[in-house]
Amino acid sequence: VLTNLIDYSMEPQASLDMPRWRLDGIDLFVGHPSVAQSRVLMEEGFDPEVIEELRSKGHEITPNLAGFKRTQKFGRGQIIQRNARTGVLWGGADPRTDSQALAW
């Protein structure tokens, strides 16, 4: 989600709508050795070519996570983003759950 917001300048809802990825198995106390042994968890919806390209670069991939396994590993996301120039707030809610973005 953060990659979509920061690197691709997507709006909050569009960022949450996209398939997510995350690293699994990283121990922050161990540091680099645990990163070398980590896996990339990927939700369903990624292009198979992206998955194969990551594998060709040596990444261990767990692709196409869905349902309870996805919720268990990824959790839920909600975003409120404030435009620094205008002060306007934009909200987004994870479409995979029973959440919504509201304002009053």
C-alpha atoms as a PDB file:
ATOM      1  CA  VAL A   1       0.000   0.000   0.000  1.00  0.00           C
ATOM      2  CA  LEU A   2       2.790   2.428   0.907  1.00  0.00           C
ATOM      3  CA  THR A   3       4.625   1.597  -2.312  1.00  0.00           C
ATOM      4  CA  ASN A   4       1.526   2.591  -4.272  1.00  0.00           C
ATOM      5  CA  LEU A   5       1.080   5.828  -2.304  1.00  0.00           C
ATOM      6  CA  ILE A   6       4.702   6.947  -2.357  1.00  0.00           C
ATOM      7  CA  ASP A   7       6.285   5.470  -5.489  1.00  0.00           C
ATOM      8  CA  TYR A   8       3.258   5.597  -7.801  1.00  0.00           C
ATOM      9  CA  SER A   9       1.414   8.640  -6.328  1.00  0.00           C
ATOM     10  CA  MET A  10      -1.845   6.704  -6.153  1.00  0.00           C
ATOM     11  CA  GLU A  11      -4.824   7.959  -4.158  1.00  0.00           C
ATOM     12  CA  PRO A  12      -5.634   6.144  -0.881  1.00  0.00           C
ATOM     13  CA  GLN A  13      -8.511   4.018  -2.207  1.00  0.00           C
ATOM     14  CA  ALA A  14      -6.656   3.016  -5.369  1.00  0.00           C
ATOM     15  CA  SER A  15      -3.637   2.035  -3.237  1.00  0.00           C
ATOM     16  CA  LEU A  16      -5.772  -0.197  -1.039  1.00  0.00           C
ATOM     17  CA  ASP A  17      -7.543  -1.767  -4.027  1.00  0.00           C
ATOM     18  CA  MET A  18      -4.297  -3.134  -5.494  1.00  0.00           C
ATOM     19  CA  PRO A  19      -2.890  -6.578  -4.570  1.00  0.00           C
ATOM     20  CA  ARG A  20      -0.501  -6.390  -1.626  1.00  0.00           C
ATOM     21  CA  TRP A  21       2.878  -7.947  -0.876  1.00  0.00           C
ATOM     22  CA  ARG A  22       4.933  -8.196   2.290  1.00  0.00           C
ATOM     23  CA  LEU A  23       8.092  -9.797   3.607  1.00  0.00           C
ATOM     24  CA  ASP A  24       7.599 -12.685   6.010  1.00  0.00           C
ATOM     25  CA  GLY A  25      10.144 -14.107   8.416  1.00  0.00           C
ATOM     26  CA  ILE A  26      12.158 -10.988   9.170  1.00  0.00           C
ATOM     27  CA  ASP A  27      13.415 -10.722  12.730  1.00  0.00           C
ATOM     28  CA  LEU A  28      14.232  -7.080  13.442  1.00  0.00           C
ATOM     29  CA  PHE A  29      16.529  -8.094  16.284  1.00  0.00           C
ATOM     30  CA  VAL A  30      18.621 -10.389  14.076  1.00  0.00           C
ATOM     31  CA  GLY A  31      18.825  -7.985  11.131  1.00  0.00           C
ATOM     32  CA  HIS A  32      20.349  -8.850   7.779  1.00  0.00           C
ATOM     33  CA  PRO A  33      20.653 -12.655   8.230  1.00  0.00           C
ATOM     34  CA  SER A  34      16.893 -12.934   8.690  1.00  0.00           C
ATOM     35  CA  VAL A  35      16.244 -10.815   5.576  1.00  0.00           C
ATOM     36  CA  ALA A  36      18.243 -13.301   3.497  1.00  0.00           C
ATOM     37  CA  GLN A  37      15.926 -16.080   4.732  1.00  0.00           C
ATOM     38  CA  SER A  38      12.659 -14.164   4.310  1.00  0.00           C
ATOM     39  CA  ARG A  39       9.843 -14.905   1.873  1.00  0.00           C
ATOM     40  CA  VAL A  40       7.766 -12.507  -0.209  1.00  0.00           C
ATOM     41  CA  LEU A  41       4.073 -13.117   0.445  1.00  0.00           C
ATOM     42  CA  MET A  42       1.855 -11.970  -2.417  1.00  0.00           C
ATOM     43  CA  GLU A  43      -1.909 -11.697  -2.561  1.00  0.00           C
ATOM     44  CA  GLU A  44      -3.855 -13.075  -5.472  1.00  0.00           C
ATOM     45  CA  GLY A  45      -4.048 -10.672  -8.389  1.00  0.00           C
ATOM     46  CA  PHE A  46      -0.387 -10.168  -9.272  1.00  0.00           C
ATOM     47  CA  ASP A  47       0.608 -10.780 -12.877  1.00  0.00           C
ATOM     48  CA  PRO A  48       2.314 -14.210 -13.101  1.00  0.00           C
ATOM     49  CA  GLU A  49       5.186 -12.554 -14.992  1.00  0.00           C
ATOM     50  CA  VAL A  50       5.905 -10.357 -11.952  1.00  0.00           C
ATOM     51  CA  ILE A  51       6.037 -13.427  -9.713  1.00  0.00           C
ATOM     52  CA  GLU A  52       8.394 -15.236 -12.102  1.00  0.00           C
ATOM     53  CA  GLU A  53      10.637 -12.185 -12.434  1.00  0.00           C
ATOM     54  CA  LEU A  54      10.998 -11.977  -8.647  1.00  0.00           C
ATOM     55  CA  ARG A  55      11.789 -15.703  -8.505  1.00  0.00           C
ATOM     56  CA  SER A  56      14.418 -15.292 -11.227  1.00  0.00           C
ATOM     57  CA  LYS A  57      16.119 -12.695  -9.004  1.00  0.00           C
ATOM     58  CA  GLY A  58      16.349 -15.229  -6.175  1.00  0.00           C
ATOM     59  CA  HIS A  59      13.321 -14.271  -4.080  1.00  0.00           C
ATOM     60  CA  GLU A  60      11.366 -16.995  -2.301  1.00  0.00           C
ATOM     61  CA  ILE A  61       7.717 -16.348  -3.194  1.00  0.00           C
ATOM     62  CA  THR A  62       4.437 -17.477  -1.656  1.00  0.00           C
ATOM     63  CA  PRO A  63       1.943 -16.360  -4.326  1.00  0.00           C
ATOM     64  CA  ASN A  64      -1.828 -16.028  -4.579  1.00  0.00           C
ATOM     65  CA  LEU A  65      -2.741 -15.766  -0.908  1.00  0.00           C
ATOM     66  CA  ALA A  66      -6.503 -15.410  -0.525  1.00  0.00           C
ATOM     67  CA  GLY A  67      -9.274 -15.796   2.030  1.00  0.00           C
ATOM     68  CA  PHE A  68      -8.387 -16.417   5.683  1.00  0.00           C
ATOM     69  CA  LYS A  69      -4.679 -16.963   4.953  1.00  0.00           C
ATOM     70  CA  ARG A  70      -4.557 -13.520   3.348  1.00  0.00           C
ATOM     71  CA  THR A  71      -6.340 -11.848   6.266  1.00  0.00           C
ATOM     72  CA  GLN A  72      -4.134 -13.688   8.752  1.00  0.00           C
ATOM     73  CA  LYS A  73      -0.909 -12.561   7.045  1.00  0.00           C
ATOM     74  CA  PHE A  74      -1.862  -9.094   5.777  1.00  0.00           C
ATOM     75  CA  GLY A  75      -4.431  -7.725   8.191  1.00  0.00           C
ATOM     76  CA  ARG A  76      -6.610  -4.826   7.146  1.00  0.00           C
ATOM     77  CA  GLY A  77      -5.856  -1.357   5.890  1.00  0.00           C
ATOM     78  CA  GLN A  78      -7.426   2.059   6.143  1.00  0.00           C
ATOM     79  CA  ILE A  79      -5.836   5.332   5.061  1.00  0.00           C
ATOM     80  CA  ILE A  80      -6.457   9.004   5.709  1.00  0.00           C
ATOM     81  CA  GLN A  81      -4.166  11.238   3.679  1.00  0.00           C
ATOM     82  CA  ARG A  82      -3.994  15.016   4.125  1.00  0.00           C
ATOM     83  CA  ASN A  83      -3.071  17.294   1.250  1.00  0.00           C
ATOM     84  CA  ALA A  84      -0.445  19.625   2.749  1.00  0.00           C
ATOM     85  CA  ARG A  85      -1.355  22.514   0.437  1.00  0.00           C
ATOM     86  CA  THR A  86      -5.169  22.426   0.641  1.00  0.00           C
ATOM     87  CA  GLY A  87      -5.759  20.594   3.911  1.00  0.00           C
ATOM     88  CA  VAL A  88      -8.233  18.282   2.156  1.00  0.00           C
ATOM     89  CA  LEU A  89      -8.462  14.797   3.676  1.00  0.00           C
ATOM     90  CA  TRP A  90      -8.768  11.740   1.418  1.00  0.00           C
ATOM     91  CA  GLY A  91      -9.811   8.413   2.841  1.00  0.00           C
ATOM     92  CA  GLY A  92      -9.636   4.841   1.708  1.00  0.00           C
ATOM     93  CA  ALA A  93     -10.860   1.543   3.152  1.00  0.00           C
ATOM     94  CA  ASP A  94      -9.761  -2.024   2.482  1.00  0.00           C
ATOM     95  CA  PRO A  95     -12.241  -3.577   0.015  1.00  0.00           C
ATOM     96  CA  ARG A  96     -11.363  -7.073   1.297  1.00  0.00           C
ATOM     97  CA  THR A  97     -13.107  -6.403   4.614  1.00  0.00           C
ATOM     98  CA  ASP A  98     -16.219  -4.759   5.999  1.00  0.00           C
ATOM     99  CA  SER A  99     -14.592  -1.326   6.316  1.00  0.00           C
ATOM    100  CA  GLN A 100     -15.452   2.033   4.795  1.00  0.00           C
ATOM    101  CA  ALA A 101     -14.102   5.574   4.707  1.00  0.00           C
ATOM    102  CA  LEU A 102     -16.504   8.148   6.196  1.00  0.00           C
ATOM    103  CA  ALA A 103     -16.297  11.806   7.157  1.00  0.00           C
ATOM    104  CA  TRP A 104     -18.482  14.300   8.978  1.00  0.00           C
END
